[in-house]
């Protein structure tokens, strides 16, 4: 009956799979440090970022000079948000940044 939990339709929900110890095949939510990110159109977006703020975000290319300057200016615990390695929009210390990998 455990695999039937949560749906009533014979297919387990993501919550039911997690409760049974199985991971869902694709996740659209990620916790990094104290923040929660949602996958939106191929980009991880900090749950605290509003659409209006996202539109005004400062663009930074991963591993560029600007990236390292930014990383050096932030508190150490913010480094995990910059090191996600995927496109990410994050609010750090009151400012919103769009971090993107370098273009090939």
Protein backbone atom coordinates (compact mmCIF):
# COMPACT_ATOMS: atom_id res chain seq x y z
CA UNK A 1 0.00 0.00 0.00
CA UNK A 2 3.01 2.33 0.54
CA UNK A 3 3.42 2.95 -3.22
CA UNK A 4 -0.21 3.99 -3.45
CA UNK A 5 0.08 6.62 -0.76
CA UNK A 6 -0.94 10.14 -1.60
CA UNK A 7 -2.81 9.77 -4.90
CA UNK A 8 -5.70 7.36 -4.67
CA UNK A 9 -5.06 6.75 -8.39
CA UNK A 10 -2.46 3.99 -8.18
CA UNK A 11 0.59 6.21 -8.88
CA UNK A 12 2.67 7.57 -6.00
CA UNK A 13 3.19 11.30 -5.68
CA UNK A 14 6.64 12.85 -5.37
CA UNK A 15 6.04 13.16 -1.62
CA UNK A 16 5.10 9.49 -1.44
CA UNK A 17 8.24 8.49 -3.35
CA UNK A 18 10.39 10.56 -1.02
CA UNK A 19 8.65 9.03 2.01
CA UNK A 20 9.50 5.60 0.65
CA UNK A 21 13.17 6.58 0.26
CA UNK A 22 13.14 6.98 -3.51
CA UNK A 23 14.20 10.22 -5.11
CA UNK A 24 12.04 11.80 -7.80
CA UNK A 25 13.63 11.67 -11.26
CA UNK A 26 13.70 15.46 -11.71
CA UNK A 27 13.70 18.15 -9.07
CA UNK A 28 12.64 21.73 -9.53
CA UNK A 29 13.46 22.78 -5.97
CA UNK A 30 16.93 23.01 -4.46
CA UNK A 31 18.15 24.12 -1.03
CA UNK A 32 21.55 25.78 -0.90
CA UNK A 33 22.64 27.14 2.44
CA UNK A 34 19.72 29.05 3.93
CA UNK A 35 18.03 29.67 0.56
CA UNK A 36 15.51 27.81 -1.55
CA UNK A 37 15.79 27.93 -5.34
CA UNK A 38 13.20 27.04 -7.96
CA UNK A 39 14.09 25.89 -11.46
CA UNK A 40 12.40 28.26 -13.94
CA UNK A 41 13.18 28.06 -17.66
CA UNK A 42 16.57 26.44 -17.08
CA UNK A 43 17.63 28.90 -14.36
CA UNK A 44 17.70 28.43 -10.60
CA UNK A 45 15.88 31.41 -9.06
CA UNK A 46 16.16 32.37 -5.40
CA UNK A 47 12.69 32.18 -3.83
CA UNK A 48 13.18 35.64 -2.29
CA UNK A 49 13.68 37.33 -5.69
CA UNK A 50 10.65 39.17 -7.04
CA UNK A 51 10.04 39.41 -10.80
CA UNK A 52 10.64 43.19 -10.78
CA UNK A 53 13.98 42.70 -9.02
CA UNK A 54 14.97 39.88 -11.37
CA UNK A 55 14.50 42.19 -14.35
CA UNK A 56 17.02 44.64 -12.81
CA UNK A 57 19.56 41.98 -11.76
CA UNK A 58 23.26 42.56 -12.36
CA UNK A 59 24.59 40.04 -14.90
CA UNK A 60 27.83 38.29 -13.95
CA UNK A 61 29.64 35.60 -15.95
CA UNK A 62 30.89 32.64 -13.94
CA UNK A 63 34.69 32.77 -13.41
CA UNK A 64 35.04 36.25 -14.98
CA UNK A 65 36.95 39.08 -13.31
CA UNK A 66 33.61 40.53 -12.15
CA UNK A 67 32.67 37.17 -10.68
CA UNK A 68 35.85 36.98 -8.60
CA UNK A 69 35.51 40.61 -7.49
CA UNK A 70 31.95 39.90 -6.39
CA UNK A 71 32.97 36.69 -4.61
CA UNK A 72 35.76 38.54 -2.79
CA UNK A 73 33.40 41.29 -1.63
CA UNK A 74 30.77 39.00 -0.07
CA UNK A 75 30.53 37.17 3.21
CA UNK A 76 32.00 33.64 2.99
CA UNK A 77 28.61 31.96 3.44
CA UNK A 78 27.41 33.59 0.20
CA UNK A 79 30.01 31.66 -1.80
CA UNK A 80 27.76 28.60 -2.09
CA UNK A 81 25.25 30.63 -4.12
CA UNK A 82 27.91 31.73 -6.57
CA UNK A 83 29.35 28.23 -6.91
CA UNK A 84 26.19 26.45 -8.08
CA UNK A 85 27.74 26.08 -11.56
CA UNK A 86 24.44 26.55 -13.37
CA UNK A 87 22.51 29.67 -14.38
CA UNK A 88 21.25 31.18 -11.13
CA UNK A 89 19.49 34.35 -10.02
CA UNK A 90 20.15 35.12 -6.38
CA UNK A 91 19.64 37.94 -3.90
CA UNK A 92 22.75 38.52 -1.80
CA UNK A 93 23.08 41.31 0.74
CA UNK A 94 20.16 43.23 -0.77
CA UNK A 95 21.27 43.01 -4.41
CA UNK A 96 20.13 40.63 -7.14
CA UNK A 97 22.64 38.90 -9.43
CA UNK A 98 22.22 36.72 -12.50
CA UNK A 99 25.17 34.35 -12.61
CA UNK A 100 25.66 32.58 -15.96
CA UNK A 101 28.31 30.15 -17.18
CA UNK A 102 30.66 31.55 -19.84
CA UNK A 103 29.45 31.26 -23.40
CA UNK A 104 31.31 28.56 -25.37
